[in-house]
Amino acid sequence: MPRKRPEDQPPESLEDRWLLEAQTMRNLEAFEAEQQGRLSEAIALYERNVAEGFPGDLPYGRLVALYERQAALDDAARVLRRAIDVFEASTRRTPQDRRATVRVFQRRLRLLEKRRGSEQSA
């Protein structure tokens, strides 16, 4: 069943639809690469979607997990900040869903910042 768009939202353009489909395929390719241990390929694919502002959680969450495992905490923090910016500006989510998603990523960023601070002082 198609999602209903808010009354004040213009209909999705064909270009927007194509971009979303390409990004979704990229996420699937990245997840498969990740499962097969091709982490640099997965990271590159997820990063492209993050740069393009993909409206779903997947590439942000997966990238943060990958970066945390590699102890690349600055990159993880960068991705979390990007996710917060993207979700705060999202028109594809309800305001309630948008707030909940932003809170999750903000909480995750706070935890990461604490971890970064404790590792730097150690």
PDB file of N, CA and C in Angstrom:
ATOM      1  N   MET A   1       0.841  -1.179   0.000  1.00  0.00           N
ATOM      2  CA  MET A   1       0.000   0.000   0.000  1.00  0.00           C
ATOM      3  C   MET A   1       0.889   1.246   0.000  1.00  0.00           C
ATOM      4  N   PRO A   2       0.702   2.176  -0.932  1.00  0.00           N
ATOM      5  CA  PRO A   2       1.550   3.365  -0.997  1.00  0.00           C
ATOM      6  C   PRO A   2       1.340   4.263   0.218  1.00  0.00           C
ATOM      7  N   ARG A   3       2.439   4.898   0.627  1.00  0.00           N
ATOM      8  CA  ARG A   3       2.360   5.839   1.750  1.00  0.00           C
ATOM      9  C   ARG A   3       1.618   7.078   1.317  1.00  0.00           C
ATOM     10  N   LYS A   4       0.821   7.614   2.224  1.00  0.00           N
ATOM     11  CA  LYS A   4       0.140   8.869   1.936  1.00  0.00           C
ATOM     12  C   LYS A   4       1.096  10.014   2.211  1.00  0.00           C
ATOM     13  N   ARG A   5       1.135  10.960   1.292  1.00  0.00           N
ATOM     14  CA  ARG A   5       1.982  12.127   1.465  1.00  0.00           C
ATOM     15  C   ARG A   5       1.166  13.209   2.152  1.00  0.00           C
ATOM     16  N   PRO A   6       1.800  14.003   2.999  1.00  0.00           N
ATOM     17  CA  PRO A   6       1.084  15.124   3.607  1.00  0.00           C
ATOM     18  C   PRO A   6       0.530  16.039   2.523  1.00  0.00           C
ATOM     19  N   GLU A   7      -0.570  16.671   2.830  1.00  0.00           N
ATOM     20  CA  GLU A   7      -1.263  17.535   1.857  1.00  0.00           C
ATOM     21  C   GLU A   7      -0.360  18.631   1.288  1.00  0.00           C
ATOM     22  N   ASP A   8       0.532  19.173   2.112  1.00  0.00           N
ATOM     23  CA  ASP A   8       1.359  20.287   1.654  1.00  0.00           C
ATOM     24  C   ASP A   8       2.620  19.837   0.926  1.00  0.00           C
ATOM     25  N   GLN A   9       2.773  18.545   0.702  1.00  0.00           N
ATOM     26  CA  GLN A   9       3.941  18.016   0.003  1.00  0.00           C
ATOM     27  C   GLN A   9       3.647  17.839  -1.480  1.00  0.00           C
ATOM     28  N   PRO A  10       4.570  18.310  -2.346  1.00  0.00           N
ATOM     29  CA  PRO A  10       4.376  18.045  -3.771  1.00  0.00           C
ATOM     30  C   PRO A  10       4.563  16.550  -4.033  1.00  0.00           C
ATOM     31  N   PRO A  11       3.954  16.036  -5.090  1.00  0.00           N
ATOM     32  CA  PRO A  11       4.152  14.619  -5.393  1.00  0.00           C
ATOM     33  C   PRO A  11       5.618  14.342  -5.715  1.00  0.00           C
ATOM     34  N   GLU A  12       6.033  13.126  -5.443  1.00  0.00           N
ATOM     35  CA  GLU A  12       7.416  12.727  -5.694  1.00  0.00           C
ATOM     36  C   GLU A  12       7.683  12.742  -7.202  1.00  0.00           C
ATOM     37  N   SER A  13       8.813  13.319  -7.596  1.00  0.00           N
ATOM     38  CA  SER A  13       9.155  13.365  -9.012  1.00  0.00           C
ATOM     39  C   SER A  13       9.709  12.009  -9.450  1.00  0.00           C
ATOM     40  N   LEU A  14       9.723  11.791 -10.738  1.00  0.00           N
ATOM     41  CA  LEU A  14      10.276  10.562 -11.287  1.00  0.00           C
ATOM     42  C   LEU A  14      11.769  10.453 -10.965  1.00  0.00           C
ATOM     43  N   GLU A  15      12.470  11.580 -11.018  1.00  0.00           N
ATOM     44  CA  GLU A  15      13.896  11.588 -10.693  1.00  0.00           C
ATOM     45  C   GLU A  15      14.124  11.201  -9.231  1.00  0.00           C
ATOM     46  N   ASP A  16      13.267  11.722  -8.334  1.00  0.00           N
ATOM     47  CA  ASP A  16      13.374  11.362  -6.916  1.00  0.00           C
ATOM     48  C   ASP A  16      13.139   9.872  -6.729  1.00  0.00           C
ATOM     49  N   ARG A  17      12.182   9.322  -7.447  1.00  0.00           N
ATOM     50  CA  ARG A  17      11.859   7.899  -7.345  1.00  0.00           C
ATOM     51  C   ARG A  17      13.038   7.058  -7.828  1.00  0.00           C
ATOM     52  N   TRP A  18      13.635   7.463  -8.951  1.00  0.00           N
ATOM     53  CA  TRP A  18      14.791   6.738  -9.501  1.00  0.00           C
ATOM     54  C   TRP A  18      15.973   6.784  -8.526  1.00  0.00           C
ATOM     55  N   LEU A  19      16.207   7.959  -7.935  1.00  0.00           N
ATOM     56  CA  LEU A  19      17.304   8.093  -6.981  1.00  0.00           C
ATOM     57  C   LEU A  19      17.073   7.169  -5.782  1.00  0.00           C
ATOM     58  N   LEU A  20      15.864   7.164  -5.262  1.00  0.00           N
ATOM     59  CA  LEU A  20      15.552   6.311  -4.116  1.00  0.00           C
ATOM     60  C   LEU A  20      15.738   4.832  -4.464  1.00  0.00           C
ATOM     61  N   GLU A  21      15.334   4.445  -5.654  1.00  0.00           N
ATOM     62  CA  GLU A  21      15.521   3.050  -6.087  1.00  0.00           C
ATOM     63  C   GLU A  21      17.005   2.711  -6.220  1.00  0.00           C
ATOM     64  N   ALA A  22      17.793   3.622  -6.783  1.00  0.00           N
ATOM     65  CA  ALA A  22      19.236   3.399  -6.925  1.00  0.00           C
ATOM     66  C   ALA A  22      19.895   3.304  -5.550  1.00  0.00           C
ATOM     67  N   GLN A  23      19.487   4.164  -4.644  1.00  0.00           N
ATOM     68  CA  GLN A  23      20.045   4.137  -3.294  1.00  0.00           C
ATOM     69  C   GLN A  23      19.672   2.851  -2.571  1.00  0.00           C
ATOM     70  N   THR A  24      18.452   2.407  -2.742  1.00  0.00           N
ATOM     71  CA  THR A  24      18.006   1.163  -2.105  1.00  0.00           C
ATOM     72  C   THR A  24      18.814  -0.016  -2.637  1.00  0.00           C
ATOM     73  N   MET A  25      19.038  -0.058  -3.945  1.00  0.00           N
ATOM     74  CA  MET A  25      19.858  -1.124  -4.529  1.00  0.00           C
ATOM     75  C   MET A  25      21.291  -1.051  -3.995  1.00  0.00           C
ATOM     76  N   ARG A  26      21.803   0.162  -3.842  1.00  0.00           N
ATOM     77  CA  ARG A  26      23.146   0.348  -3.300  1.00  0.00           C
ATOM     78  C   ARG A  26      23.229  -0.189  -1.866  1.00  0.00           C
ATOM     79  N   ASN A  27      22.187   0.070  -1.074  1.00  0.00           N
ATOM     80  CA  ASN A  27      22.158  -0.467   0.296  1.00  0.00           C
ATOM     81  C   ASN A  27      22.187  -1.990   0.284  1.00  0.00           C
ATOM     82  N   LEU A  28      21.428  -2.594  -0.618  1.00  0.00           N
ATOM     83  CA  LEU A  28      21.411  -4.054  -0.710  1.00  0.00           C
ATOM     84  C   LEU A  28      22.779  -4.591  -1.121  1.00  0.00           C
ATOM     85  N   GLU A  29      23.402  -3.934  -2.096  1.00  0.00           N
ATOM     86  CA  GLU A  29      24.750  -4.334  -2.527  1.00  0.00           C
ATOM     87  C   GLU A  29      25.749  -4.178  -1.384  1.00  0.00           C
ATOM     88  N   ALA A  30      25.637  -3.079  -0.648  1.00  0.00           N
ATOM     89  CA  ALA A  30      26.549  -2.828   0.467  1.00  0.00           C
ATOM     90  C   ALA A  30      26.375  -3.877   1.552  1.00  0.00           C
ATOM     91  N   PHE A  31      25.142  -4.211   1.865  1.00  0.00           N
ATOM     92  CA  PHE A  31      24.882  -5.203   2.903  1.00  0.00           C
ATOM     93  C   PHE A  31      25.443  -6.565   2.489  1.00  0.00           C
ATOM     94  N   GLU A  32      25.262  -6.907   1.219  1.00  0.00           N
ATOM     95  CA  GLU A  32      25.811  -8.170   0.717  1.00  0.00           C
ATOM     96  C   GLU A  32      27.341  -8.151   0.788  1.00  0.00           C
ATOM     97  N   ALA A  33      27.950  -7.047   0.373  1.00  0.00           N
ATOM     98  CA  ALA A  33      29.409  -6.932   0.437  1.00  0.00           C
ATOM     99  C   ALA A  33      29.881  -7.054   1.885  1.00  0.00           C
ATOM    100  N   GLU A  34      29.160  -6.429   2.775  1.00  0.00           N
ATOM    101  CA  GLU A  34      29.502  -6.490   4.197  1.00  0.00           C
ATOM    102  C   GLU A  34      29.450  -7.936   4.698  1.00  0.00           C
ATOM    103  N   GLN A  35      28.404  -8.651   4.331  1.00  0.00           N
ATOM    104  CA  GLN A  35      28.250 -10.042   4.760  1.00  0.00           C
ATOM    105  C   GLN A  35      29.356 -10.933   4.212  1.00  0.00           C
ATOM    106  N   GLN A  36      29.883 -10.565   3.046  1.00  0.00           N
ATOM    107  CA  GLN A  36      30.945 -11.349   2.414  1.00  0.00           C
ATOM    108  C   GLN A  36      32.340 -10.883   2.818  1.00  0.00           C
ATOM    109  N   GLY A  37      32.403  -9.931   3.747  1.00  0.00           N
ATOM    110  CA  GLY A  37      33.695  -9.478   4.240  1.00  0.00           C
ATOM    111  C   GLY A  37      34.385  -8.432   3.388  1.00  0.00           C
ATOM    112  N   ARG A  38      33.702  -7.917   2.370  1.00  0.00           N
ATOM    113  CA  ARG A  38      34.272  -6.871   1.511  1.00  0.00           C
ATOM    114  C   ARG A  38      33.909  -5.506   2.121  1.00  0.00           C
ATOM    115  N   LEU A  39      34.546  -5.214   3.255  1.00  0.00           N
ATOM    116  CA  LEU A  39      34.130  -4.064   4.057  1.00  0.00           C
ATOM    117  C   LEU A  39      34.409  -2.724   3.391  1.00  0.00           C
ATOM    118  N   SER A  40      35.541  -2.592   2.704  1.00  0.00           N
ATOM    119  CA  SER A  40      35.829  -1.299   2.066  1.00  0.00           C
ATOM    120  C   SER A  40      34.806  -1.003   0.973  1.00  0.00           C
ATOM    121  N   GLU A  41      34.362  -2.032   0.258  1.00  0.00           N
ATOM    122  CA  GLU A  41      33.323  -1.847  -0.767  1.00  0.00           C
ATOM    123  C   GLU A  41      31.997  -1.452  -0.114  1.00  0.00           C
ATOM    124  N   ALA A  42      31.645  -2.130   0.972  1.00  0.00           N
ATOM    125  CA  ALA A  42      30.401  -1.819   1.682  1.00  0.00           C
ATOM    126  C   ALA A  42      30.426  -0.382   2.197  1.00  0.00           C
ATOM    127  N   ILE A  43      31.545   0.004   2.788  1.00  0.00           N
ATOM    128  CA  ILE A  43      31.669   1.364   3.326  1.00  0.00           C
ATOM    129  C   ILE A  43      31.510   2.394   2.217  1.00  0.00           C
ATOM    130  N   ALA A  44      32.139   2.168   1.076  1.00  0.00           N
ATOM    131  CA  ALA A  44      32.041   3.118  -0.046  1.00  0.00           C
ATOM    132  C   ALA A  44      30.593   3.262  -0.518  1.00  0.00           C
ATOM    133  N   LEU A  45      29.873   2.159  -0.604  1.00  0.00           N
ATOM    134  CA  LEU A  45      28.472   2.204  -1.055  1.00  0.00           C
ATOM    135  C   LEU A  45      27.589   2.916  -0.024  1.00  0.00           C
ATOM    136  N   TYR A  46      27.752   2.563   1.249  1.00  0.00           N
ATOM    137  CA  TYR A  46      26.981   3.242   2.296  1.00  0.00           C
ATOM    138  C   TYR A  46      27.309   4.730   2.331  1.00  0.00           C
ATOM    139  N   GLU A  47      28.596   5.061   2.199  1.00  0.00           N
ATOM    140  CA  GLU A  47      29.011   6.472   2.233  1.00  0.00           C
ATOM    141  C   GLU A  47      28.357   7.281   1.113  1.00  0.00           C
ATOM    142  N   ARG A  48      28.215   6.676  -0.046  1.00  0.00           N
ATOM    143  CA  ARG A  48      27.568   7.392  -1.148  1.00  0.00           C
ATOM    144  C   ARG A  48      26.124   7.723  -0.788  1.00  0.00           C
ATOM    145  N   ASN A  49      25.416   6.766  -0.196  1.00  0.00           N
ATOM    146  CA  ASN A  49      24.037   7.028   0.195  1.00  0.00           C
ATOM    147  C   ASN A  49      23.953   8.073   1.303  1.00  0.00           C
ATOM    148  N   VAL A  50      24.894   8.047   2.219  1.00  0.00           N
ATOM    149  CA  VAL A  50      24.933   9.045   3.281  1.00  0.00           C
ATOM    150  C   VAL A  50      25.164  10.433   2.673  1.00  0.00           C
ATOM    151  N   ALA A  51      26.092  10.520   1.744  1.00  0.00           N
ATOM    152  CA  ALA A  51      26.377  11.801   1.085  1.00  0.00           C
ATOM    153  C   ALA A  51      25.150  12.333   0.345  1.00  0.00           C
ATOM    154  N   GLU A  52      24.375  11.418  -0.235  1.00  0.00           N
ATOM    155  CA  GLU A  52      23.171  11.811  -0.981  1.00  0.00           C
ATOM    156  C   GLU A  52      21.969  12.030  -0.067  1.00  0.00           C
ATOM    157  N   GLY A  53      22.107  11.774   1.222  1.00  0.00           N
ATOM    158  CA  GLY A  53      21.013  12.012   2.154  1.00  0.00           C
ATOM    159  C   GLY A  53      19.900  10.979   2.068  1.00  0.00           C
ATOM    160  N   PHE A  54      20.255   9.710   1.937  1.00  0.00           N
ATOM    161  CA  PHE A  54      19.253   8.643   1.886  1.00  0.00           C
ATOM    162  C   PHE A  54      18.294   8.793   3.063  1.00  0.00           C
ATOM    163  N   PRO A  55      16.973   8.682   2.812  1.00  0.00           N
ATOM    164  CA  PRO A  55      15.994   8.978   3.860  1.00  0.00           C
ATOM    165  C   PRO A  55      15.750   7.868   4.881  1.00  0.00           C
ATOM    166  N   GLY A  56      16.396   6.738   4.744  1.00  0.00           N
ATOM    167  CA  GLY A  56      16.207   5.640   5.700  1.00  0.00           C
ATOM    168  C   GLY A  56      17.415   5.464   6.594  1.00  0.00           C
ATOM    169  N   ASP A  57      17.235   4.713   7.672  1.00  0.00           N
ATOM    170  CA  ASP A  57      18.257   4.555   8.710  1.00  0.00           C
ATOM    171  C   ASP A  57      19.431   3.658   8.315  1.00  0.00           C
ATOM    172  N   LEU A  58      19.199   2.702   7.426  1.00  0.00           N
ATOM    173  CA  LEU A  58      20.143   1.613   7.213  1.00  0.00           C
ATOM    174  C   LEU A  58      21.592   2.034   6.953  1.00  0.00           C
ATOM    175  N   PRO A  59      21.891   2.866   5.960  1.00  0.00           N
ATOM    176  CA  PRO A  59      23.312   3.119   5.692  1.00  0.00           C
ATOM    177  C   PRO A  59      24.008   3.828   6.854  1.00  0.00           C
ATOM    178  N   TYR A  60      23.284   4.662   7.574  1.00  0.00           N
ATOM    179  CA  TYR A  60      23.869   5.386   8.704  1.00  0.00           C
ATOM    180  C   TYR A  60      24.214   4.410   9.834  1.00  0.00           C
ATOM    181  N   GLY A  61      23.261   3.583  10.194  1.00  0.00           N
ATOM    182  CA  GLY A  61      23.483   2.626  11.271  1.00  0.00           C
ATOM    183  C   GLY A  61      24.571   1.619  10.949  1.00  0.00           C
ATOM    184  N   ARG A  62      24.576   1.111   9.718  1.00  0.00           N
ATOM    185  CA  ARG A  62      25.595   0.127   9.328  1.00  0.00           C
ATOM    186  C   ARG A  62      26.978   0.767   9.309  1.00  0.00           C
ATOM    187  N   LEU A  63      27.077   1.975   8.760  1.00  0.00           N
ATOM    188  CA  LEU A  63      28.371   2.657   8.708  1.00  0.00           C
ATOM    189  C   LEU A  63      28.918   2.918  10.108  1.00  0.00           C
ATOM    190  N   VAL A  64      28.064   3.380  11.001  1.00  0.00           N
ATOM    191  CA  VAL A  64      28.510   3.649  12.367  1.00  0.00           C
ATOM    192  C   VAL A  64      29.028   2.356  12.991  1.00  0.00           C
ATOM    193  N   ALA A  65      28.312   1.264  12.812  1.00  0.00           N
ATOM    194  CA  ALA A  65      28.752  -0.020  13.367  1.00  0.00           C
ATOM    195  C   ALA A  65      30.100  -0.431  12.778  1.00  0.00           C
ATOM    196  N   LEU A  66      30.261  -0.285  11.472  1.00  0.00           N
ATOM    197  CA  LEU A  66      31.530  -0.648  10.828  1.00  0.00           C
ATOM    198  C   LEU A  66      32.672   0.232  11.331  1.00  0.00           C
ATOM    199  N   TYR A  67      32.419   1.531  11.407  1.00  0.00           N
ATOM    200  CA  TYR A  67      33.457   2.445  11.872  1.00  0.00           C
ATOM    201  C   TYR A  67      33.806   2.196  13.347  1.00  0.00           C
ATOM    202  N   GLU A  68      32.816   1.894  14.159  1.00  0.00           N
ATOM    203  CA  GLU A  68      33.104   1.606  15.566  1.00  0.00           C
ATOM    204  C   GLU A  68      33.979   0.360  15.690  1.00  0.00           C
ATOM    205  N   ARG A  69      33.691  -0.665  14.889  1.00  0.00           N
ATOM    206  CA  ARG A  69      34.510  -1.880  14.924  1.00  0.00           C
ATOM    207  C   ARG A  69      35.941  -1.607  14.499  1.00  0.00           C
ATOM    208  N   GLN A  70      36.121  -0.627  13.626  1.00  0.00           N
ATOM    209  CA  GLN A  70      37.471  -0.272  13.157  1.00  0.00           C
ATOM    210  C   GLN A  70      38.116   0.789  14.041  1.00  0.00           C
ATOM    211  N   ALA A  71      37.420   1.188  15.110  1.00  0.00           N
ATOM    212  CA  ALA A  71      37.891   2.252  16.013  1.00  0.00           C
ATOM    213  C   ALA A  71      38.058   3.581  15.280  1.00  0.00           C
ATOM    214  N   ALA A  72      37.274   3.784  14.221  1.00  0.00           N
ATOM    215  CA  ALA A  72      37.275   5.049  13.475  1.00  0.00           C
ATOM    216  C   ALA A  72      36.141   5.914  14.030  1.00  0.00           C
ATOM    217  N   LEU A  73      36.318   6.357  15.273  1.00  0.00           N
ATOM    218  CA  LEU A  73      35.236   7.030  15.990  1.00  0.00           C
ATOM    219  C   LEU A  73      34.904   8.404  15.425  1.00  0.00           C
ATOM    220  N   ASP A  74      35.878   9.095  14.847  1.00  0.00           N
ATOM    221  CA  ASP A  74      35.593  10.386  14.218  1.00  0.00           C
ATOM    222  C   ASP A  74      34.660  10.194  13.021  1.00  0.00           C
ATOM    223  N   ASP A  75      34.909   9.145  12.239  1.00  0.00           N
ATOM    224  CA  ASP A  75      34.027   8.856  11.103  1.00  0.00           C
ATOM    225  C   ASP A  75      32.634   8.462  11.585  1.00  0.00           C
ATOM    226  N   ALA A  76      32.572   7.669  12.635  1.00  0.00           N
ATOM    227  CA  ALA A  76      31.271   7.268  13.189  1.00  0.00           C
ATOM    228  C   ALA A  76      30.490   8.497  13.643  1.00  0.00           C
ATOM    229  N   ALA A  77      31.150   9.428  14.319  1.00  0.00           N
ATOM    230  CA  ALA A  77      30.491  10.650  14.779  1.00  0.00           C
ATOM    231  C   ALA A  77      30.018  11.493  13.597  1.00  0.00           C
ATOM    232  N   ARG A  78      30.839  11.580  12.563  1.00  0.00           N
ATOM    233  CA  ARG A  78      30.459  12.341  11.356  1.00  0.00           C
ATOM    234  C   ARG A  78      29.186  11.771  10.741  1.00  0.00           C
ATOM    235  N   VAL A  79      29.103  10.449  10.642  1.00  0.00           N
ATOM    236  CA  VAL A  79      27.936   9.799  10.044  1.00  0.00           C
ATOM    237  C   VAL A  79      26.702  10.029  10.917  1.00  0.00           C
ATOM    238  N   LEU A  80      26.855   9.959  12.230  1.00  0.00           N
ATOM    239  CA  LEU A  80      25.718  10.201  13.123  1.00  0.00           C
ATOM    240  C   LEU A  80      25.216  11.639  12.985  1.00  0.00           C
ATOM    241  N   ARG A  81      26.134  12.598  12.889  1.00  0.00           N
ATOM    242  CA  ARG A  81      25.707  13.997  12.702  1.00  0.00           C
ATOM    243  C   ARG A  81      24.973  14.172  11.372  1.00  0.00           C
ATOM    244  N   ARG A  82      25.464  13.513  10.338  1.00  0.00           N
ATOM    245  CA  ARG A  82      24.800  13.584   9.027  1.00  0.00           C
ATOM    246  C   ARG A  82      23.404  12.976   9.112  1.00  0.00           C
ATOM    247  N   ALA A  83      23.274  11.850   9.794  1.00  0.00           N
ATOM    248  CA  ALA A  83      21.965  11.206   9.948  1.00  0.00           C
ATOM    249  C   ALA A  83      20.990  12.154  10.643  1.00  0.00           C
ATOM    250  N   ILE A  84      21.437  12.790  11.706  1.00  0.00           N
ATOM    251  CA  ILE A  84      20.577  13.725  12.445  1.00  0.00           C
ATOM    252  C   ILE A  84      20.123  14.853  11.529  1.00  0.00           C
ATOM    253  N   ASP A  85      21.042  15.428  10.757  1.00  0.00           N
ATOM    254  CA  ASP A  85      20.687  16.506   9.818  1.00  0.00           C
ATOM    255  C   ASP A  85      19.664  16.032   8.789  1.00  0.00           C
ATOM    256  N   VAL A  86      19.898  14.851   8.218  1.00  0.00           N
ATOM    257  CA  VAL A  86      19.006  14.323   7.185  1.00  0.00           C
ATOM    258  C   VAL A  86      17.617  14.061   7.755  1.00  0.00           C
ATOM    259  N   PHE A  87      17.554  13.435   8.923  1.00  0.00           N
ATOM    260  CA  PHE A  87      16.247  13.082   9.479  1.00  0.00           C
ATOM    261  C   PHE A  87      15.493  14.298   9.994  1.00  0.00           C
ATOM    262  N   GLU A  88      16.204  15.300  10.503  1.00  0.00           N
ATOM    263  CA  GLU A  88      15.531  16.525  10.941  1.00  0.00           C
ATOM    264  C   GLU A  88      14.864  17.230   9.761  1.00  0.00           C
ATOM    265  N   ALA A  89      15.456  17.138   8.588  1.00  0.00           N
ATOM    266  CA  ALA A  89      14.924  17.810   7.397  1.00  0.00           C
ATOM    267  C   ALA A  89      13.979  16.926   6.579  1.00  0.00           C
ATOM    268  N   SER A  90      13.787  15.691   6.989  1.00  0.00           N
ATOM    269  CA  SER A  90      13.018  14.739   6.195  1.00  0.00           C
ATOM    270  C   SER A  90      11.553  15.151   6.035  1.00  0.00           C
ATOM    271  N   THR A  91      11.067  14.994   4.827  1.00  0.00           N
ATOM    272  CA  THR A  91       9.638  15.191   4.568  1.00  0.00           C
ATOM    273  C   THR A  91       8.964  13.850   4.295  1.00  0.00           C
ATOM    274  N   ARG A  92       9.725  12.777   4.316  1.00  0.00           N
ATOM    275  CA  ARG A  92       9.181  11.442   4.037  1.00  0.00           C
ATOM    276  C   ARG A  92       8.636  10.775   5.294  1.00  0.00           C
ATOM    277  N   ARG A  93       8.935  11.342   6.454  1.00  0.00           N
ATOM    278  CA  ARG A  93       8.507  10.763   7.727  1.00  0.00           C
ATOM    279  C   ARG A  93       7.502  11.681   8.402  1.00  0.00           C
ATOM    280  N   THR A  94       6.704  11.095   9.270  1.00  0.00           N
ATOM    281  CA  THR A  94       5.799  11.925  10.062  1.00  0.00           C
ATOM    282  C   THR A  94       6.637  12.686  11.083  1.00  0.00           C
ATOM    283  N   PRO A  95       6.134  13.812  11.573  1.00  0.00           N
ATOM    284  CA  PRO A  95       6.899  14.547  12.594  1.00  0.00           C
ATOM    285  C   PRO A  95       7.238  13.677  13.809  1.00  0.00           C
ATOM    286  N   GLN A  96       6.318  12.845  14.222  1.00  0.00           N
ATOM    287  CA  GLN A  96       6.542  11.970  15.372  1.00  0.00           C
ATOM    288  C   GLN A  96       7.665  10.964  15.089  1.00  0.00           C
ATOM    289  N   ASP A  97       7.624  10.340  13.921  1.00  0.00           N
ATOM    290  CA  ASP A  97       8.661   9.381  13.539  1.00  0.00           C
ATOM    291  C   ASP A  97      10.009  10.080  13.391  1.00  0.00           C
ATOM    292  N   ARG A  98       9.974  11.269  12.816  1.00  0.00           N
ATOM    293  CA  ARG A  98      11.196  12.055  12.629  1.00  0.00           C
ATOM    294  C   ARG A  98      11.846  12.359  13.981  1.00  0.00           C
ATOM    295  N   ARG A  99      11.053  12.817  14.945  1.00  0.00           N
ATOM    296  CA  ARG A  99      11.586  13.135  16.280  1.00  0.00           C
ATOM    297  C   ARG A  99      12.167  11.894  16.946  1.00  0.00           C
ATOM    298  N   ALA A 100      11.457  10.770  16.855  1.00  0.00           N
ATOM    299  CA  ALA A 100      11.932   9.528  17.477  1.00  0.00           C
ATOM    300  C   ALA A 100      13.250   9.074  16.860  1.00  0.00           C
ATOM    301  N   THR A 101      13.340   9.139  15.548  1.00  0.00           N
ATOM    302  CA  THR A 101      14.565   8.712  14.856  1.00  0.00           C
ATOM    303  C   THR A 101      15.730   9.627  15.213  1.00  0.00           C
ATOM    304  N   VAL A 102      15.480  10.921  15.228  1.00  0.00           N
ATOM    305  CA  VAL A 102      16.529  11.879  15.587  1.00  0.00           C
ATOM    306  C   VAL A 102      17.007  11.626  17.012  1.00  0.00           C
ATOM    307  N   ARG A 103      16.076  11.357  17.933  1.00  0.00           N
ATOM    308  CA  ARG A 103      16.466  11.082  19.326  1.00  0.00           C
ATOM    309  C   ARG A 103      17.373   9.857  19.426  1.00  0.00           C
ATOM    310  N   VAL A 104      17.060   8.814  18.661  1.00  0.00           N
ATOM    311  CA  VAL A 104      17.886   7.595  18.671  1.00  0.00           C
ATOM    312  C   VAL A 104      19.309   7.924  18.228  1.00  0.00           C
ATOM    313  N   PHE A 105      19.438   8.668  17.131  1.00  0.00           N
ATOM    314  CA  PHE A 105      20.771   8.994  16.617  1.00  0.00           C
ATOM    315  C   PHE A 105      21.496   9.980  17.533  1.00  0.00           C
ATOM    316  N   GLN A 106      20.775  10.904  18.154  1.00  0.00           N
ATOM    317  CA  GLN A 106      21.405  11.829  19.097  1.00  0.00           C
ATOM    318  C   GLN A 106      21.928  11.074  20.322  1.00  0.00           C
ATOM    319  N   ARG A 107      21.156  10.127  20.811  1.00  0.00           N
ATOM    320  CA  ARG A 107      21.580   9.314  21.957  1.00  0.00           C
ATOM    321  C   ARG A 107      22.837   8.510  21.603  1.00  0.00           C
ATOM    322  N   ARG A 108      22.814   7.951  20.408  1.00  0.00           N
ATOM    323  CA  ARG A 108      23.972   7.164  19.961  1.00  0.00           C
ATOM    324  C   ARG A 108      25.208   8.052  19.832  1.00  0.00           C
ATOM    325  N   LEU A 109      25.023   9.286  19.348  1.00  0.00           N
ATOM    326  CA  LEU A 109      26.136  10.227  19.227  1.00  0.00           C
ATOM    327  C   LEU A 109      26.678  10.606  20.608  1.00  0.00           C
ATOM    328  N   ARG A 110      25.794  10.851  21.575  1.00  0.00           N
ATOM    329  CA  ARG A 110      26.251  11.180  22.933  1.00  0.00           C
ATOM    330  C   ARG A 110      27.094  10.043  23.511  1.00  0.00           C
ATOM    331  N   LEU A 111      26.637   8.817  23.346  1.00  0.00           N
ATOM    332  CA  LEU A 111      27.392   7.656  23.841  1.00  0.00           C
ATOM    333  C   LEU A 111      28.755   7.560  23.153  1.00  0.00           C
ATOM    334  N   LEU A 112      28.765   7.808  21.857  1.00  0.00           N
ATOM    335  CA  LEU A 112      30.022   7.758  21.111  1.00  0.00           C
ATOM    336  C   LEU A 112      30.973   8.859  21.579  1.00  0.00           C
ATOM    337  N   GLU A 113      30.435  10.056  21.809  1.00  0.00           N
ATOM    338  CA  GLU A 113      31.267  11.175  22.275  1.00  0.00           C
ATOM    339  C   GLU A 113      31.867  10.850  23.638  1.00  0.00           C
ATOM    340  N   LYS A 114      31.097  10.225  24.528  1.00  0.00           N
ATOM    341  CA  LYS A 114      31.642   9.804  25.833  1.00  0.00           C
ATOM    342  C   LYS A 114      32.767   8.802  25.636  1.00  0.00           C
ATOM    343  N   ARG A 115      32.544   7.867  24.759  1.00  0.00           N
ATOM    344  CA  ARG A 115      33.564   6.842  24.485  1.00  0.00           C
ATOM    345  C   ARG A 115      34.827   7.482  23.920  1.00  0.00           C
ATOM    346  N   ARG A 116      34.643   8.409  22.984  1.00  0.00           N
ATOM    347  CA  ARG A 116      35.808   9.094  22.406  1.00  0.00           C
ATOM    348  C   ARG A 116      36.571   9.856  23.475  1.00  0.00           C
ATOM    349  N   GLY A 117      35.843  10.523  24.367  1.00  0.00           N
ATOM    350  CA  GLY A 117      36.471  11.293  25.438  1.00  0.00           C
ATOM    351  C   GLY A 117      37.243  10.411  26.401  1.00  0.00           C
ATOM    352  N   SER A 118      36.668   9.266  26.753  1.00  0.00           N
ATOM    353  CA  SER A 118      37.366   8.373  27.684  1.00  0.00           C
ATOM    354  C   SER A 118      38.576   7.720  27.028  1.00  0.00           C
ATOM    355  N   GLU A 119      38.521   7.461  25.741  1.00  0.00           N
ATOM    356  CA  GLU A 119      39.679   6.863  25.052  1.00  0.00           C
ATOM    357  C   GLU A 119      40.801   7.876  24.873  1.00  0.00           C
ATOM    358  N   GLN A 120      40.437   9.151  24.678  1.00  0.00           N
ATOM    359  CA  GLN A 120      41.452  10.183  24.512  1.00  0.00           C
ATOM    360  C   GLN A 120      42.157  10.491  25.822  1.00  0.00           C
ATOM    361  N   SER A 121      41.439  10.355  26.939  1.00  0.00           N
ATOM    362  CA  SER A 121      42.041  10.666  28.244  1.00  0.00           C
ATOM    363  C   SER A 121      42.802   9.482  28.827  1.00  0.00           C
ATOM    364  N   ALA A 122      42.624   8.309  28.212  1.00  0.00           N
ATOM    365  CA  ALA A 122      43.301   7.112  28.730  1.00  0.00           C
ATOM    366  C   ALA A 122      44.739   7.004  28.281  1.00  0.00           C
TER     367      ALA A 122
END
